[in-house]
N, C-alpha and C. Protein backbone atom coordinates (compact mmCIF):
# COMPACT_ATOMS: atom_id res chain seq x y z
N UNK A 1 30.40 -4.13 -16.80
CA UNK A 1 30.94 -4.91 -15.73
C UNK A 1 31.65 -4.18 -15.03
N UNK A 2 31.89 -4.20 -13.71
CA UNK A 2 32.99 -3.32 -13.15
C UNK A 2 33.42 -4.23 -11.82
N UNK A 3 34.37 -3.69 -11.06
CA UNK A 3 34.98 -4.66 -9.80
C UNK A 3 35.30 -3.62 -8.78
N UNK A 4 35.22 -4.22 -7.46
CA UNK A 4 35.68 -3.60 -6.36
C UNK A 4 37.04 -3.83 -5.84
N UNK A 5 37.63 -5.11 -6.41
CA UNK A 5 38.70 -5.63 -6.05
C UNK A 5 39.64 -5.92 -7.05
N UNK A 6 40.84 -5.52 -6.90
CA UNK A 6 41.79 -6.07 -7.80
C UNK A 6 42.95 -6.72 -7.20
N UNK A 7 43.33 -8.22 -7.48
CA UNK A 7 44.37 -8.60 -6.96
C UNK A 7 45.44 -9.30 -7.89
N UNK A 8 46.45 -9.29 -7.64
CA UNK A 8 47.63 -9.64 -8.48
C UNK A 8 48.21 -10.92 -7.69
N UNK A 9 48.53 -11.92 -8.47
CA UNK A 9 49.25 -13.12 -8.00
C UNK A 9 50.45 -13.03 -8.80
N UNK A 10 51.67 -13.23 -8.08
CA UNK A 10 53.11 -13.42 -8.61
C UNK A 10 53.54 -14.69 -8.23
N UNK A 11 53.95 -15.38 -9.25
CA UNK A 11 54.72 -16.74 -9.04
C UNK A 11 56.08 -16.56 -9.39
N UNK A 12 56.87 -17.03 -8.44
CA UNK A 12 58.32 -17.10 -8.59
C UNK A 12 58.64 -18.43 -9.20
N UNK A 13 59.98 -18.48 -9.70
CA UNK A 13 60.58 -19.64 -10.27
C UNK A 13 60.70 -20.66 -9.37
N UNK A 14 60.61 -20.57 -7.96
CA UNK A 14 60.84 -21.73 -7.24
C UNK A 14 59.28 -22.29 -6.77
N UNK A 15 58.25 -21.63 -7.47
CA UNK A 15 57.04 -22.07 -7.36
C UNK A 15 56.21 -21.27 -5.99
N UNK A 16 56.76 -20.36 -5.45
CA UNK A 16 56.21 -19.84 -4.36
C UNK A 16 55.38 -18.74 -4.97
N UNK A 17 54.19 -18.71 -4.23
CA UNK A 17 53.21 -17.68 -4.59
C UNK A 17 53.05 -16.67 -3.66
N UNK A 18 52.86 -15.22 -4.21
CA UNK A 18 52.48 -14.16 -3.16
C UNK A 18 51.29 -13.52 -3.89
N UNK A 19 50.34 -12.86 -3.12
CA UNK A 19 49.19 -12.06 -3.75
C UNK A 19 49.08 -10.77 -3.06
N UNK A 20 48.60 -9.93 -3.71
CA UNK A 20 48.37 -8.68 -3.02
C UNK A 20 47.10 -8.04 -3.89
N UNK A 21 46.17 -7.50 -3.05
CA UNK A 21 45.04 -7.21 -3.30
C UNK A 21 44.58 -5.69 -2.91
N UNK A 22 43.64 -5.07 -3.52
CA UNK A 22 43.31 -3.74 -3.17
C UNK A 22 41.75 -3.67 -3.45
N UNK A 23 40.96 -3.35 -2.54
CA UNK A 23 39.49 -3.11 -2.56
C UNK A 23 39.35 -1.70 -2.32
N UNK A 24 38.18 -1.10 -3.22
CA UNK A 24 37.98 0.21 -3.17
C UNK A 24 36.27 0.18 -2.82
N UNK A 25 35.81 1.36 -2.01
CA UNK A 25 34.20 1.59 -1.85
C UNK A 25 33.48 1.62 -3.19
N UNK A 26 34.28 2.26 -4.18
CA UNK A 26 33.56 2.65 -5.42
C UNK A 26 33.87 1.20 -6.26
N UNK A 27 34.01 1.67 -7.50
CA UNK A 27 34.33 0.32 -8.36
C UNK A 27 35.40 0.86 -9.51
N UNK A 28 36.29 -0.04 -9.87
CA UNK A 28 37.04 0.09 -10.94
C UNK A 28 36.39 -0.22 -12.19
N UNK A 29 35.98 1.02 -12.79
CA UNK A 29 35.08 0.81 -14.13
C UNK A 29 35.65 0.62 -15.47
N UNK A 30 36.83 0.88 -15.57
CA UNK A 30 37.48 0.82 -16.79
C UNK A 30 38.90 0.14 -16.94
N UNK A 31 39.42 -0.02 -17.80
CA UNK A 31 40.56 -0.75 -18.01
C UNK A 31 41.77 -0.06 -17.46
N UNK A 32 41.98 1.17 -17.52
CA UNK A 32 42.94 2.14 -17.18
C UNK A 32 43.12 2.11 -15.48
N UNK A 33 41.91 2.08 -14.88
CA UNK A 33 41.67 2.26 -13.39
C UNK A 33 42.14 0.81 -13.15
N UNK A 34 42.12 -0.43 -13.75
CA UNK A 34 42.23 -1.73 -13.34
C UNK A 34 43.94 -1.86 -13.49
N UNK A 35 44.52 -1.32 -14.43
CA UNK A 35 45.78 -1.43 -14.78
C UNK A 35 46.52 -0.49 -13.92
N UNK A 36 46.04 0.53 -13.66
CA UNK A 36 46.69 1.55 -12.48
C UNK A 36 47.01 0.85 -11.03
N UNK A 37 45.62 0.16 -10.52
CA UNK A 37 45.61 -0.49 -9.55
C UNK A 37 46.57 -1.76 -9.60
N UNK A 38 46.68 -2.68 -10.63
CA UNK A 38 47.62 -3.58 -10.65
C UNK A 38 48.95 -3.11 -10.61
N UNK A 39 49.33 -2.18 -11.49
CA UNK A 39 50.88 -1.47 -11.31
C UNK A 39 51.18 -1.10 -9.91
N UNK A 40 50.35 -0.52 -9.14
CA UNK A 40 50.43 0.19 -7.70
C UNK A 40 50.83 -1.05 -6.87
N UNK A 41 50.03 -2.15 -7.06
CA UNK A 41 50.22 -3.50 -6.24
C UNK A 41 51.56 -4.05 -6.53
N UNK A 42 51.96 -4.22 -7.87
CA UNK A 42 53.36 -4.90 -8.33
C UNK A 42 54.47 -3.88 -7.70
N UNK A 43 54.26 -2.58 -7.72
CA UNK A 43 55.38 -1.66 -7.41
C UNK A 43 55.59 -1.97 -5.80
N UNK A 44 54.38 -2.42 -5.23
CA UNK A 44 54.74 -2.62 -3.66
C UNK A 44 55.24 -3.67 -3.40
N UNK A 45 55.34 -4.57 -4.30
CA UNK A 45 55.89 -5.97 -4.12
C UNK A 45 57.42 -5.99 -4.62
N UNK A 46 57.87 -4.82 -5.35
CA UNK A 46 59.14 -4.81 -5.66
C UNK A 46 60.14 -4.39 -4.82
N UNK A 47 61.44 -4.48 -5.10
CA UNK A 47 62.13 -5.49 -5.92
C UNK A 47 61.83 -6.92 -5.79
N UNK A 48 61.67 -7.53 -6.76
CA UNK A 48 61.37 -9.05 -6.59
C UNK A 48 62.66 -9.80 -6.16
N UNK A 49 62.69 -10.79 -4.99
CA UNK A 49 63.72 -11.31 -4.71
C UNK A 49 64.30 -12.54 -5.25
N UNK A 50 63.27 -12.93 -6.17
CA UNK A 50 63.70 -13.96 -7.24
C UNK A 50 62.99 -13.78 -8.56
N UNK A 51 63.55 -14.69 -9.60
CA UNK A 51 63.17 -14.70 -10.84
C UNK A 51 61.36 -15.08 -10.70
N UNK A 52 60.60 -14.29 -11.68
CA UNK A 52 59.11 -14.27 -11.45
C UNK A 52 58.72 -15.23 -12.78
N UNK A 53 57.77 -15.86 -12.57
CA UNK A 53 57.21 -16.82 -13.69
C UNK A 53 55.98 -15.99 -13.82
N UNK A 54 54.93 -16.63 -14.41
CA UNK A 54 53.58 -15.83 -14.69
C UNK A 54 52.89 -14.97 -13.69
N UNK A 55 52.50 -13.84 -13.95
CA UNK A 55 51.76 -12.83 -13.22
C UNK A 55 50.31 -13.01 -13.55
N UNK A 56 49.73 -12.78 -12.53
CA UNK A 56 48.07 -12.92 -12.90
C UNK A 56 47.22 -11.77 -12.21
N UNK A 57 46.53 -11.19 -13.09
CA UNK A 57 45.51 -10.05 -12.30
C UNK A 57 44.15 -10.68 -12.23
N UNK A 58 43.59 -10.43 -11.00
CA UNK A 58 42.14 -10.99 -10.98
C UNK A 58 41.26 -9.97 -10.51
N UNK A 59 40.12 -9.82 -11.08
CA UNK A 59 38.95 -8.97 -10.55
C UNK A 59 37.94 -9.45 -9.90
N UNK A 60 37.58 -9.02 -8.79
CA UNK A 60 36.50 -9.68 -7.95
C UNK A 60 35.53 -8.87 -7.21
N UNK A 61 34.42 -9.08 -6.59
CA UNK A 61 33.44 -8.25 -6.06
C UNK A 61 33.02 -7.54 -7.47
N UNK A 62 32.26 -8.27 -8.45
CA UNK A 62 31.80 -7.85 -9.72
C UNK A 62 30.54 -7.15 -9.43
N UNK A 63 30.32 -6.19 -10.22
CA UNK A 63 29.11 -5.43 -10.47
C UNK A 63 28.67 -5.22 -11.71
N UNK A 64 27.46 -5.00 -11.93
CA UNK A 64 26.66 -4.84 -13.27
C UNK A 64 26.75 -3.25 -13.70
N UNK A 65 26.78 -2.83 -14.67
CA UNK A 65 26.86 -1.42 -14.90
C UNK A 65 25.87 -0.55 -14.16
N UNK A 66 24.97 -1.07 -13.85
CA UNK A 66 24.00 -0.19 -12.97
C UNK A 66 24.25 -0.31 -11.49
N UNK A 67 25.12 -0.70 -11.03
CA UNK A 67 25.84 -0.99 -9.62
C UNK A 67 25.15 -2.02 -8.87
N UNK A 68 24.43 -2.94 -9.42
CA UNK A 68 23.89 -4.07 -8.82
C UNK A 68 24.89 -5.29 -8.78
N UNK A 69 24.72 -6.22 -7.61
CA UNK A 69 25.69 -7.18 -7.70
C UNK A 69 25.39 -8.15 -8.88
N UNK A 70 26.53 -8.97 -9.44
CA UNK A 70 26.27 -9.86 -10.50
C UNK A 70 25.73 -11.29 -9.60
N UNK A 71 24.92 -11.64 -10.21
CA UNK A 71 24.05 -12.97 -9.93
C UNK A 71 25.14 -13.82 -10.08
N UNK A 72 24.94 -15.05 -8.92
CA UNK A 72 25.61 -16.40 -9.11
C UNK A 72 25.09 -17.09 -10.14
N UNK A 73 25.76 -17.73 -11.06
CA UNK A 73 25.14 -18.38 -12.03
C UNK A 73 25.13 -20.01 -11.49
N UNK A 74 23.98 -20.86 -11.73
CA UNK A 74 23.93 -22.17 -11.22
C UNK A 74 24.69 -23.03 -12.23
N UNK A 75 25.18 -23.99 -11.52
CA UNK A 75 26.13 -25.06 -12.09
C UNK A 75 25.51 -26.33 -12.23
N UNK A 76 24.78 -26.56 -13.31
CA UNK A 76 24.13 -27.90 -13.39
C UNK A 76 24.86 -29.07 -13.82
N UNK A 77 25.08 -30.02 -13.01
CA UNK A 77 25.67 -31.35 -13.30
C UNK A 77 25.01 -32.62 -13.79
């Protein structure tokens, strides 16, 4: 599984949330590439103007190892 987009969500102590994302034409295929992209996005948001609560990292535009898009799963209710 690989992803084309990495998003970082930063939540401040006053509950304000900002997000930063980066998409690439190829894919982030390993953990080190994802971590490097997330670190770059965080550095772009520094210095933080307020105290930070939890940070989140999300991967999207997922692809399977063979380069095909991941199929949407059906939600049966």
